[in-house]
Amino acid sequence: PYVHAMFTTGHDEANRQAFLAEDADNLNLVGLALHGPKKAVDKAIKGL
């Protein structure tokens, strides 16, 4: 994951702290990478 608050940090530890501070059920995502079995990834990105 990459959340919006990570744009304001300057290093990895600060990124992890910014991510930890997010509401885990409502992440302010600006980016997301997915990797896994082809069919499972296709279902996760369906409609995009």
All heavy atoms as atom14 arrays in JSON, in Angstrom:
{
  "sequence": "PYVHAMFTTGHDEANRQAFLAEDADNLNLVGLALHGPKKAVDKAIKGL",
  "atom14_mask": [
    [1, 1, 1, 1, 1, 1, 1, 0, 0, 0, 0, 0, 0, 0],
    [1, 1, 1, 1, 1, 1, 1, 1, 1, 1, 1, 1, 0, 0],
    [1, 1, 1, 1, 1, 1, 1, 0, 0, 0, 0, 0, 0, 0],
    [1, 1, 1, 1, 1, 1, 1, 1, 1, 1, 0, 0, 0, 0],
    [1, 1, 1, 1, 1, 0, 0, 0, 0, 0, 0, 0, 0, 0],
    [1, 1, 1, 1, 1, 1, 1, 1, 0, 0, 0, 0, 0, 0],
    [1, 1, 1, 1, 1, 1, 1, 1, 1, 1, 1, 0, 0, 0],
    [1, 1, 1, 1, 1, 1, 1, 0, 0, 0, 0, 0, 0, 0],
    [1, 1, 1, 1, 1, 1, 1, 0, 0, 0, 0, 0, 0, 0],
    [1, 1, 1, 1, 0, 0, 0, 0, 0, 0, 0, 0, 0, 0],
    [1, 1, 1, 1, 1, 1, 1, 1, 1, 1, 0, 0, 0, 0],
    [1, 1, 1, 1, 1, 1, 1, 1, 0, 0, 0, 0, 0, 0],
    [1, 1, 1, 1, 1, 1, 1, 1, 1, 0, 0, 0, 0, 0],
    [1, 1, 1, 1, 1, 0, 0, 0, 0, 0, 0, 0, 0, 0],
    [1, 1, 1, 1, 1, 1, 1, 1, 0, 0, 0, 0, 0, 0],
    [1, 1, 1, 1, 1, 1, 1, 1, 1, 1, 1, 0, 0, 0],
    [1, 1, 1, 1, 1, 1, 1, 1, 1, 0, 0, 0, 0, 0],
    [1, 1, 1, 1, 1, 0, 0, 0, 0, 0, 0, 0, 0, 0],
    [1, 1, 1, 1, 1, 1, 1, 1, 1, 1, 1, 0, 0, 0],
    [1, 1, 1, 1, 1, 1, 1, 1, 0, 0, 0, 0, 0, 0],
    [1, 1, 1, 1, 1, 0, 0, 0, 0, 0, 0, 0, 0, 0],
    [1, 1, 1, 1, 1, 1, 1, 1, 1, 0, 0, 0, 0, 0],
    [1, 1, 1, 1, 1, 1, 1, 1, 0, 0, 0, 0, 0, 0],
    [1, 1, 1, 1, 1, 0, 0, 0, 0, 0, 0, 0, 0, 0],
    [1, 1, 1, 1, 1, 1, 1, 1, 0, 0, 0, 0, 0, 0],
    [1, 1, 1, 1, 1, 1, 1, 1, 0, 0, 0, 0, 0, 0],
    [1, 1, 1, 1, 1, 1, 1, 1, 0, 0, 0, 0, 0, 0],
    [1, 1, 1, 1, 1, 1, 1, 1, 0, 0, 0, 0, 0, 0],
    [1, 1, 1, 1, 1, 1, 1, 1, 0, 0, 0, 0, 0, 0],
    [1, 1, 1, 1, 1, 1, 1, 0, 0, 0, 0, 0, 0, 0],
    [1, 1, 1, 1, 0, 0, 0, 0, 0, 0, 0, 0, 0, 0],
    [1, 1, 1, 1, 1, 1, 1, 1, 0, 0, 0, 0, 0, 0],
    [1, 1, 1, 1, 1, 0, 0, 0, 0, 0, 0, 0, 0, 0],
    [1, 1, 1, 1, 1, 1, 1, 1, 0, 0, 0, 0, 0, 0],
    [1, 1, 1, 1, 1, 1, 1, 1, 1, 1, 0, 0, 0, 0],
    [1, 1, 1, 1, 0, 0, 0, 0, 0, 0, 0, 0, 0, 0],
    [1, 1, 1, 1, 1, 1, 1, 0, 0, 0, 0, 0, 0, 0],
    [1, 1, 1, 1, 1, 1, 1, 1, 1, 0, 0, 0, 0, 0],
    [1, 1, 1, 1, 1, 1, 1, 1, 1, 0, 0, 0, 0, 0],
    [1, 1, 1, 1, 1, 0, 0, 0, 0, 0, 0, 0, 0, 0],
    [1, 1, 1, 1, 1, 1, 1, 0, 0, 0, 0, 0, 0, 0],
    [1, 1, 1, 1, 1, 1, 1, 1, 0, 0, 0, 0, 0, 0],
    [1, 1, 1, 1, 1, 1, 1, 1, 1, 0, 0, 0, 0, 0],
    [1, 1, 1, 1, 1, 0, 0, 0, 0, 0, 0, 0, 0, 0],
    [1, 1, 1, 1, 1, 1, 1, 1, 0, 0, 0, 0, 0, 0],
    [1, 1, 1, 1, 1, 1, 1, 1, 1, 0, 0, 0, 0, 0],
    [1, 1, 1, 1, 0, 0, 0, 0, 0, 0, 0, 0, 0, 0],
    [1, 1, 1, 1, 1, 1, 1, 1, 0, 0, 0, 0, 0, 0]
  ],
  "atom14_positions": [
    [[0.81, -1.21, 0.0], [0.0, 0.0, 0.0], [0.85, 1.27, 0.0], [2.0, 1.28, 0.45], [-0.75, -0.11, 1.32], [0.25, -0.79, 2.23], [1.02, -1.73, 1.35], [0.0, 0.0, 0.0], [0.0, 0.0, 0.0], [0.0, 0.0, 0.0], [0.0, 0.0, 0.0], [0.0, 0.0, 0.0], [0.0, 0.0, 0.0], [0.0, 0.0, 0.0]],
    [[0.28, 2.34, -0.49], [0.87, 3.67, -0.39], [-0.29, 4.61, -0.05], [-1.26, 4.68, -0.8], [1.52, 4.08, -1.72], [2.49, 5.23, -1.61], [3.86, 5.03, -1.72], [2.06, 6.54, -1.4], [4.76, 6.07, -1.64], [2.95, 7.59, -1.31], [4.3, 7.35, -1.44], [5.19, 8.39, -1.36], [0.0, 0.0, 0.0], [0.0, 0.0, 0.0]],
    [[-0.2, 5.28, 1.1], [-1.27, 6.17, 1.54], [-0.84, 7.63, 1.35], [0.35, 7.94, 1.3], [-1.68, 5.9, 3.01], [-2.3, 4.52, 3.15], [-0.52, 6.09, 3.95], [0.0, 0.0, 0.0], [0.0, 0.0, 0.0], [0.0, 0.0, 0.0], [0.0, 0.0, 0.0], [0.0, 0.0, 0.0], [0.0, 0.0, 0.0], [0.0, 0.0, 0.0]],
    [[-1.82, 8.51, 1.27], [-1.57, 9.92, 0.99], [-0.6, 10.55, 1.99], [0.26, 11.34, 1.6], [-2.89, 10.7, 0.96], [-2.74, 12.06, 0.36], [-2.34, 13.14, 1.09], [-2.89, 12.47, -0.93], [-2.27, 14.19, 0.29], [-2.6, 13.8, -0.93], [0.0, 0.0, 0.0], [0.0, 0.0, 0.0], [0.0, 0.0, 0.0], [0.0, 0.0, 0.0]],
    [[-0.7, 10.2, 3.24], [0.18, 10.79, 4.26], [1.65, 10.52, 4.0], [2.52, 11.27, 4.47], [-0.21, 10.27, 5.64], [0.0, 0.0, 0.0], [0.0, 0.0, 0.0], [0.0, 0.0, 0.0], [0.0, 0.0, 0.0], [0.0, 0.0, 0.0], [0.0, 0.0, 0.0], [0.0, 0.0, 0.0], [0.0, 0.0, 0.0], [0.0, 0.0, 0.0]],
    [[1.96, 9.49, 3.23], [3.35, 9.16, 2.94], [4.01, 10.2, 2.02], [5.24, 10.27, 1.94], [3.46, 7.75, 2.37], [3.11, 6.69, 3.42], [2.75, 5.05, 2.76], [4.33, 4.53, 2.16], [0.0, 0.0, 0.0], [0.0, 0.0, 0.0], [0.0, 0.0, 0.0], [0.0, 0.0, 0.0], [0.0, 0.0, 0.0], [0.0, 0.0, 0.0]],
    [[3.22, 11.05, 1.35], [3.8, 12.13, 0.56], [4.49, 13.17, 1.43], [5.32, 13.93, 0.96], [2.72, 12.84, -0.29], [2.28, 12.07, -1.51], [0.94, 11.89, -1.76], [3.2, 11.54, -2.41], [0.51, 11.21, -2.89], [2.78, 10.84, -3.54], [1.43, 10.68, -3.77], [0.0, 0.0, 0.0], [0.0, 0.0, 0.0], [0.0, 0.0, 0.0]],
    [[4.13, 13.22, 2.71], [4.68, 14.25, 3.6], [5.86, 13.76, 4.42], [6.41, 14.52, 5.23], [3.6, 14.76, 4.57], [3.19, 13.69, 5.43], [2.39, 15.3, 3.81], [0.0, 0.0, 0.0], [0.0, 0.0, 0.0], [0.0, 0.0, 0.0], [0.0, 0.0, 0.0], [0.0, 0.0, 0.0], [0.0, 0.0, 0.0], [0.0, 0.0, 0.0]],
    [[6.27, 12.52, 4.24], [7.36, 11.97, 5.03], [8.66, 12.01, 4.23], [8.64, 12.23, 3.02], [7.07, 10.52, 5.45], [6.99, 9.71, 4.27], [5.77, 10.42, 6.24], [0.0, 0.0, 0.0], [0.0, 0.0, 0.0], [0.0, 0.0, 0.0], [0.0, 0.0, 0.0], [0.0, 0.0, 0.0], [0.0, 0.0, 0.0], [0.0, 0.0, 0.0]],
    [[9.76, 11.78, 4.91], [11.03, 11.84, 4.22], [11.86, 10.58, 4.29], [12.95, 10.53, 3.74], [0.0, 0.0, 0.0], [0.0, 0.0, 0.0], [0.0, 0.0, 0.0], [0.0, 0.0, 0.0], [0.0, 0.0, 0.0], [0.0, 0.0, 0.0], [0.0, 0.0, 0.0], [0.0, 0.0, 0.0], [0.0, 0.0, 0.0], [0.0, 0.0, 0.0]],
    [[11.34, 9.55, 4.97], [12.12, 8.31, 5.08], [11.21, 7.15, 5.45], [10.05, 7.34, 5.81], [13.26, 8.47, 6.08], [12.81, 8.91, 7.44], [12.41, 8.04, 8.41], [12.69, 10.15, 7.98], [12.06, 8.71, 9.5], [12.21, 9.99, 9.25], [0.0, 0.0, 0.0], [0.0, 0.0, 0.0], [0.0, 0.0, 0.0], [0.0, 0.0, 0.0]],
    [[11.78, 5.95, 5.36], [11.0, 4.72, 5.51], [10.3, 4.6, 6.86], [9.13, 4.23, 6.92], [11.92, 3.52, 5.27], [11.15, 2.22, 5.21], [10.14, 2.15, 4.5], [11.58, 1.27, 5.88], [0.0, 0.0, 0.0], [0.0, 0.0, 0.0], [0.0, 0.0, 0.0], [0.0, 0.0, 0.0], [0.0, 0.0, 0.0], [0.0, 0.0, 0.0]],
    [[11.0, 4.87, 7.94], [10.38, 4.75, 9.28], [9.18, 5.69, 9.39], [8.13, 5.32, 9.92], [11.4, 5.03, 10.38], [10.8, 5.0, 11.78], [10.16, 3.67, 12.16], [10.59, 2.6, 11.67], [9.2, 3.68, 12.96], [0.0, 0.0, 0.0], [0.0, 0.0, 0.0], [0.0, 0.0, 0.0], [0.0, 0.0, 0.0], [0.0, 0.0, 0.0]],
    [[9.32, 6.91, 8.87], [8.21, 7.87, 8.91], [7.05, 7.36, 8.05], [5.88, 7.55, 8.41], [8.67, 9.24, 8.44], [0.0, 0.0, 0.0], [0.0, 0.0, 0.0], [0.0, 0.0, 0.0], [0.0, 0.0, 0.0], [0.0, 0.0, 0.0], [0.0, 0.0, 0.0], [0.0, 0.0, 0.0], [0.0, 0.0, 0.0], [0.0, 0.0, 0.0]],
    [[7.36, 6.71, 6.94], [6.29, 6.12, 6.11], [5.53, 5.06, 6.89], [4.29, 5.01, 6.84], [6.88, 5.48, 4.85], [7.23, 6.47, 3.79], [6.84, 7.63, 3.83], [8.0, 6.03, 2.82], [0.0, 0.0, 0.0], [0.0, 0.0, 0.0], [0.0, 0.0, 0.0], [0.0, 0.0, 0.0], [0.0, 0.0, 0.0], [0.0, 0.0, 0.0]],
    [[6.25, 4.2, 7.58], [5.58, 3.15, 8.36], [4.73, 3.74, 9.47], [3.63, 3.24, 9.76], [6.61, 2.15, 8.9], [7.15, 1.22, 7.83], [7.88, 0.02, 8.4], [8.98, 0.39, 9.27], [10.2, 0.72, 8.85], [10.46, 0.75, 7.57], [11.14, 1.03, 9.71], [0.0, 0.0, 0.0], [0.0, 0.0, 0.0], [0.0, 0.0, 0.0]],
    [[5.2, 4.8, 10.11], [4.42, 5.45, 11.16], [3.17, 6.11, 10.58], [2.09, 6.04, 11.17], [5.28, 6.48, 11.91], [6.36, 5.85, 12.76], [5.8, 4.89, 13.8], [4.84, 5.18, 14.48], [6.43, 3.72, 13.89], [0.0, 0.0, 0.0], [0.0, 0.0, 0.0], [0.0, 0.0, 0.0], [0.0, 0.0, 0.0], [0.0, 0.0, 0.0]],
    [[3.31, 6.74, 9.42], [2.15, 7.36, 8.76], [1.12, 6.29, 8.4], [-0.08, 6.48, 8.58], [2.6, 8.11, 7.51], [0.0, 0.0, 0.0], [0.0, 0.0, 0.0], [0.0, 0.0, 0.0], [0.0, 0.0, 0.0], [0.0, 0.0, 0.0], [0.0, 0.0, 0.0], [0.0, 0.0, 0.0], [0.0, 0.0, 0.0], [0.0, 0.0, 0.0]],
    [[1.6, 5.15, 7.91], [0.69, 4.06, 7.55], [0.0, 3.5, 8.79], [-1.21, 3.26, 8.79], [1.44, 2.96, 6.8], [0.54, 1.86, 6.33], [-0.3, 2.04, 5.25], [0.52, 0.64, 6.99], [-1.15, 1.03, 4.83], [-0.33, -0.37, 6.58], [-1.16, -0.17, 5.49], [0.0, 0.0, 0.0], [0.0, 0.0, 0.0], [0.0, 0.0, 0.0]],
    [[0.75, 3.31, 9.85], [0.19, 2.78, 11.09], [-0.89, 3.69, 11.66], [-1.86, 3.22, 12.25], [1.31, 2.57, 12.12], [0.92, 1.97, 13.47], [0.32, 0.58, 13.3], [2.13, 1.93, 14.39], [0.0, 0.0, 0.0], [0.0, 0.0, 0.0], [0.0, 0.0, 0.0], [0.0, 0.0, 0.0], [0.0, 0.0, 0.0], [0.0, 0.0, 0.0]],
    [[-0.76, 4.98, 11.46], [-1.73, 5.96, 11.98], [-3.04, 5.98, 11.18], [-4.03, 6.56, 11.63], [-1.1, 7.36, 11.98], [0.0, 0.0, 0.0], [0.0, 0.0, 0.0], [0.0, 0.0, 0.0], [0.0, 0.0, 0.0], [0.0, 0.0, 0.0], [0.0, 0.0, 0.0], [0.0, 0.0, 0.0], [0.0, 0.0, 0.0], [0.0, 0.0, 0.0]],
    [[-3.06, 5.34, 10.03], [-4.26, 5.31, 9.2], [-5.37, 4.47, 9.83], [-5.09, 3.53, 10.58], [-3.94, 4.7, 7.82], [-3.09, 5.55, 6.93], [-3.87, 6.62, 6.21], [-4.99, 6.35, 5.74], [-3.33, 7.74, 6.11], [0.0, 0.0, 0.0], [0.0, 0.0, 0.0], [0.0, 0.0, 0.0], [0.0, 0.0, 0.0], [0.0, 0.0, 0.0]],
    [[-6.6, 4.79, 9.49], [-7.75, 3.95, 9.85], [-7.67, 2.71, 8.97], [-7.86, 2.78, 7.75], [-9.04, 4.72, 9.59], [-10.31, 3.91, 9.79], [-10.22, 2.69, 10.07], [-11.4, 4.49, 9.67], [0.0, 0.0, 0.0], [0.0, 0.0, 0.0], [0.0, 0.0, 0.0], [0.0, 0.0, 0.0], [0.0, 0.0, 0.0], [0.0, 0.0, 0.0]],
    [[-7.34, 1.57, 9.55], [-7.1, 0.34, 8.79], [-8.3, -0.1, 7.96], [-8.14, -0.83, 6.98], [-6.66, -0.78, 9.73], [0.0, 0.0, 0.0], [0.0, 0.0, 0.0], [0.0, 0.0, 0.0], [0.0, 0.0, 0.0], [0.0, 0.0, 0.0], [0.0, 0.0, 0.0], [0.0, 0.0, 0.0], [0.0, 0.0, 0.0], [0.0, 0.0, 0.0]],
    [[-9.5, 0.33, 8.33], [-10.7, -0.04, 7.58], [-11.08, 0.99, 6.53], [-12.06, 0.81, 5.81], [-11.87, -0.24, 8.54], [-11.65, -1.42, 9.46], [-11.08, -2.44, 9.0], [-12.04, -1.34, 10.65], [0.0, 0.0, 0.0], [0.0, 0.0, 0.0], [0.0, 0.0, 0.0], [0.0, 0.0, 0.0], [0.0, 0.0, 0.0], [0.0, 0.0, 0.0]],
    [[-10.32, 2.09, 6.46], [-10.64, 3.17, 5.54], [-9.36, 3.88, 5.13], [-9.23, 5.09, 5.29], [-11.61, 4.15, 6.22], [-12.22, 5.13, 5.26], [-12.43, 4.83, 4.1], [-12.49, 6.32, 5.75], [0.0, 0.0, 0.0], [0.0, 0.0, 0.0], [0.0, 0.0, 0.0], [0.0, 0.0, 0.0], [0.0, 0.0, 0.0], [0.0, 0.0, 0.0]],
    [[-8.4, 3.12, 4.6], [-7.1, 3.69, 4.23], [-7.27, 4.76, 3.15], [-8.03, 4.59, 2.2], [-6.19, 2.59, 3.69], [-5.77, 1.49, 4.67], [-5.01, 0.39, 3.93], [-4.94, 2.06, 5.79], [0.0, 0.0, 0.0], [0.0, 0.0, 0.0], [0.0, 0.0, 0.0], [0.0, 0.0, 0.0], [0.0, 0.0, 0.0], [0.0, 0.0, 0.0]],
    [[-6.54, 5.85, 3.31], [-6.54, 6.92, 2.3], [-5.49, 6.56, 1.23], [-4.47, 7.2, 1.08], [-6.22, 8.27, 2.94], [-6.4, 9.42, 1.99], [-6.92, 9.26, 0.89], [-5.98, 10.59, 2.41], [0.0, 0.0, 0.0], [0.0, 0.0, 0.0], [0.0, 0.0, 0.0], [0.0, 0.0, 0.0], [0.0, 0.0, 0.0], [0.0, 0.0, 0.0]],
    [[-5.79, 5.5, 0.5], [-4.85, 4.96, -0.49], [-4.69, 5.88, -1.69], [-5.67, 6.43, -2.21], [-5.35, 3.6, -0.98], [-5.31, 2.46, 0.03], [-6.18, 1.3, -0.45], [-3.87, 2.01, 0.25], [0.0, 0.0, 0.0], [0.0, 0.0, 0.0], [0.0, 0.0, 0.0], [0.0, 0.0, 0.0], [0.0, 0.0, 0.0], [0.0, 0.0, 0.0]],
    [[-3.44, 6.02, -2.13], [-3.16, 6.68, -3.4], [-2.54, 5.68, -4.37], [-2.43, 5.94, -5.56], [-2.25, 7.91, -3.25], [-2.97, 9.01, -2.47], [-0.93, 7.56, -2.61], [0.0, 0.0, 0.0], [0.0, 0.0, 0.0], [0.0, 0.0, 0.0], [0.0, 0.0, 0.0], [0.0, 0.0, 0.0], [0.0, 0.0, 0.0], [0.0, 0.0, 0.0]],
    [[-2.14, 4.53, -3.84], [-1.58, 3.48, -4.68], [-1.63, 2.14, -3.98], [-1.62, 2.07, -2.75], [0.0, 0.0, 0.0], [0.0, 0.0, 0.0], [0.0, 0.0, 0.0], [0.0, 0.0, 0.0], [0.0, 0.0, 0.0], [0.0, 0.0, 0.0], [0.0, 0.0, 0.0], [0.0, 0.0, 0.0], [0.0, 0.0, 0.0], [0.0, 0.0, 0.0]],
    [[-1.7, 1.1, -4.78], [-1.74, -0.25, -4.24], [-1.15, -1.19, -5.29], [-1.51, -1.13, -6.46], [-3.19, -0.66, -3.95], [-3.42, -2.04, -3.34], [-2.85, -2.11, -1.93], [-4.9, -2.38, -3.33], [0.0, 0.0, 0.0], [0.0, 0.0, 0.0], [0.0, 0.0, 0.0], [0.0, 0.0, 0.0], [0.0, 0.0, 0.0], [0.0, 0.0, 0.0]],
    [[-0.21, -2.03, -4.86], [0.32, -3.09, -5.72], [-0.25, -4.41, -5.25], [-0.4, -4.64, -4.04], [1.84, -3.11, -5.66], [0.0, 0.0, 0.0], [0.0, 0.0, 0.0], [0.0, 0.0, 0.0], [0.0, 0.0, 0.0], [0.0, 0.0, 0.0], [0.0, 0.0, 0.0], [0.0, 0.0, 0.0], [0.0, 0.0, 0.0], [0.0, 0.0, 0.0]],
    [[-0.57, -5.27, -6.19], [-1.1, -6.6, -5.88], [-0.29, -7.63, -6.65], [0.03, -7.44, -7.83], [-2.56, -6.72, -6.31], [-3.54, -5.69, -5.77], [-3.72, -4.54, -6.73], [-4.86, -6.32, -5.49], [0.0, 0.0, 0.0], [0.0, 0.0, 0.0], [0.0, 0.0, 0.0], [0.0, 0.0, 0.0], [0.0, 0.0, 0.0], [0.0, 0.0, 0.0]],
    [[0.0, -8.74, -5.98], [0.7, -9.85, -6.63], [0.14, -11.14, -6.08], [-0.1, -11.26, -4.88], [2.2, -9.77, -6.35], [2.97, -10.91, -6.94], [3.59, -11.86, -6.18], [3.19, -11.26, -8.23], [4.19, -12.73, -6.97], [3.97, -12.4, -8.22], [0.0, 0.0, 0.0], [0.0, 0.0, 0.0], [0.0, 0.0, 0.0], [0.0, 0.0, 0.0]],
    [[-0.09, -12.08, -6.95], [-0.6, -13.37, -6.55], [-1.09, -14.15, -7.75], [-0.79, -13.78, -8.9], [0.0, 0.0, 0.0], [0.0, 0.0, 0.0], [0.0, 0.0, 0.0], [0.0, 0.0, 0.0], [0.0, 0.0, 0.0], [0.0, 0.0, 0.0], [0.0, 0.0, 0.0], [0.0, 0.0, 0.0], [0.0, 0.0, 0.0], [0.0, 0.0, 0.0]],
    [[-1.83, -15.21, -7.5], [-2.37, -16.0, -8.61], [-3.17, -15.11, -9.56], [-3.93, -14.24, -9.14], [-3.27, -17.02, -7.92], [-2.73, -17.12, -6.52], [-2.22, -15.74, -6.2], [0.0, 0.0, 0.0], [0.0, 0.0, 0.0], [0.0, 0.0, 0.0], [0.0, 0.0, 0.0], [0.0, 0.0, 0.0], [0.0, 0.0, 0.0], [0.0, 0.0, 0.0]],
    [[-2.97, -15.35, -10.85], [-3.57, -14.49, -11.88], [-5.07, -14.3, -11.69], [-5.56, -13.18, -11.73], [-3.28, -15.09, -13.26], [-3.77, -14.24, -14.41], [-3.48, -14.89, -15.74], [-3.95, -14.11, -16.92], [-5.16, -13.36, -16.82], [0.0, 0.0, 0.0], [0.0, 0.0, 0.0], [0.0, 0.0, 0.0], [0.0, 0.0, 0.0], [0.0, 0.0, 0.0]],
    [[-5.82, -15.37, -11.48], [-7.27, -15.26, -11.36], [-7.67, -14.44, -10.13], [-8.63, -13.67, -10.17], [-7.92, -16.64, -11.32], [-7.89, -17.35, -12.65], [-8.59, -18.68, -12.61], [-8.53, -19.36, -13.96], [-9.24, -20.63, -14.0], [0.0, 0.0, 0.0], [0.0, 0.0, 0.0], [0.0, 0.0, 0.0], [0.0, 0.0, 0.0], [0.0, 0.0, 0.0]],
    [[-6.94, -14.59, -9.04], [-7.26, -13.84, -7.82], [-6.98, -12.36, -8.01], [-7.77, -11.51, -7.57], [-6.46, -14.4, -6.64], [0.0, 0.0, 0.0], [0.0, 0.0, 0.0], [0.0, 0.0, 0.0], [0.0, 0.0, 0.0], [0.0, 0.0, 0.0], [0.0, 0.0, 0.0], [0.0, 0.0, 0.0], [0.0, 0.0, 0.0], [0.0, 0.0, 0.0]],
    [[-5.87, -12.01, -8.66], [-5.58, -10.6, -8.93], [-6.63, -10.04, -9.87], [-7.14, -8.93, -9.66], [-4.15, -10.41, -9.49], [-3.93, -8.97, -9.94], [-3.1, -10.81, -8.46], [0.0, 0.0, 0.0], [0.0, 0.0, 0.0], [0.0, 0.0, 0.0], [0.0, 0.0, 0.0], [0.0, 0.0, 0.0], [0.0, 0.0, 0.0], [0.0, 0.0, 0.0]],
    [[-6.99, -10.79, -10.91], [-8.03, -10.32, -11.84], [-9.34, -10.01, -11.12], [-10.0, -9.01, -11.43], [-8.28, -11.36, -12.94], [-7.19, -11.4, -13.99], [-6.4, -10.43, -14.09], [-7.11, -12.41, -14.71], [0.0, 0.0, 0.0], [0.0, 0.0, 0.0], [0.0, 0.0, 0.0], [0.0, 0.0, 0.0], [0.0, 0.0, 0.0], [0.0, 0.0, 0.0]],
    [[-9.71, -10.83, -10.16], [-10.94, -10.58, -9.4], [-10.8, -9.33, -8.53], [-11.77, -8.58, -8.35], [-11.31, -11.78, -8.55], [-11.82, -12.93, -9.4], [-12.19, -14.14, -8.56], [-12.66, -15.27, -9.47], [-12.98, -16.48, -8.73], [0.0, 0.0, 0.0], [0.0, 0.0, 0.0], [0.0, 0.0, 0.0], [0.0, 0.0, 0.0], [0.0, 0.0, 0.0]],
    [[-9.62, -9.09, -7.99], [-9.42, -7.93, -7.12], [-9.43, -6.62, -7.89], [-9.79, -5.59, -7.34], [-8.11, -8.09, -6.34], [0.0, 0.0, 0.0], [0.0, 0.0, 0.0], [0.0, 0.0, 0.0], [0.0, 0.0, 0.0], [0.0, 0.0, 0.0], [0.0, 0.0, 0.0], [0.0, 0.0, 0.0], [0.0, 0.0, 0.0], [0.0, 0.0, 0.0]],
    [[-9.04, -6.65, -9.16], [-8.98, -5.41, -9.96], [-10.12, -5.3, -10.97], [-10.15, -4.38, -11.78], [-7.62, -5.29, -10.68], [-7.41, -6.44, -11.66], [-6.48, -5.19, -9.68], [-6.18, -6.31, -12.54], [0.0, 0.0, 0.0], [0.0, 0.0, 0.0], [0.0, 0.0, 0.0], [0.0, 0.0, 0.0], [0.0, 0.0, 0.0], [0.0, 0.0, 0.0]],
    [[-11.06, -6.22, -10.88], [-12.17, -6.25, -11.85], [-12.86, -4.88, -11.94], [-13.19, -4.27, -10.95], [-13.19, -7.31, -11.45], [-14.27, -7.5, -12.47], [-15.22, -8.63, -12.13], [-16.25, -8.72, -13.22], [-16.99, -9.95, -13.18], [0.0, 0.0, 0.0], [0.0, 0.0, 0.0], [0.0, 0.0, 0.0], [0.0, 0.0, 0.0], [0.0, 0.0, 0.0]],
    [[-13.04, -4.45, -13.18], [-13.75, -3.19, -13.43], [-12.84, -1.97, -13.51], [-13.29, -0.9, -13.9], [0.0, 0.0, 0.0], [0.0, 0.0, 0.0], [0.0, 0.0, 0.0], [0.0, 0.0, 0.0], [0.0, 0.0, 0.0], [0.0, 0.0, 0.0], [0.0, 0.0, 0.0], [0.0, 0.0, 0.0], [0.0, 0.0, 0.0], [0.0, 0.0, 0.0]],
    [[-11.56, -2.11, -13.16], [-10.65, -0.96, -13.23], [-10.12, -0.8, -14.63], [-9.92, -1.77, -15.37], [-9.48, -1.14, -12.25], [-9.84, -1.24, -10.77], [-8.56, -1.33, -9.95], [-10.69, -0.07, -10.32], [0.0, 0.0, 0.0], [0.0, 0.0, 0.0], [0.0, 0.0, 0.0], [0.0, 0.0, 0.0], [0.0, 0.0, 0.0], [0.0, 0.0, 0.0]]
  ]
}
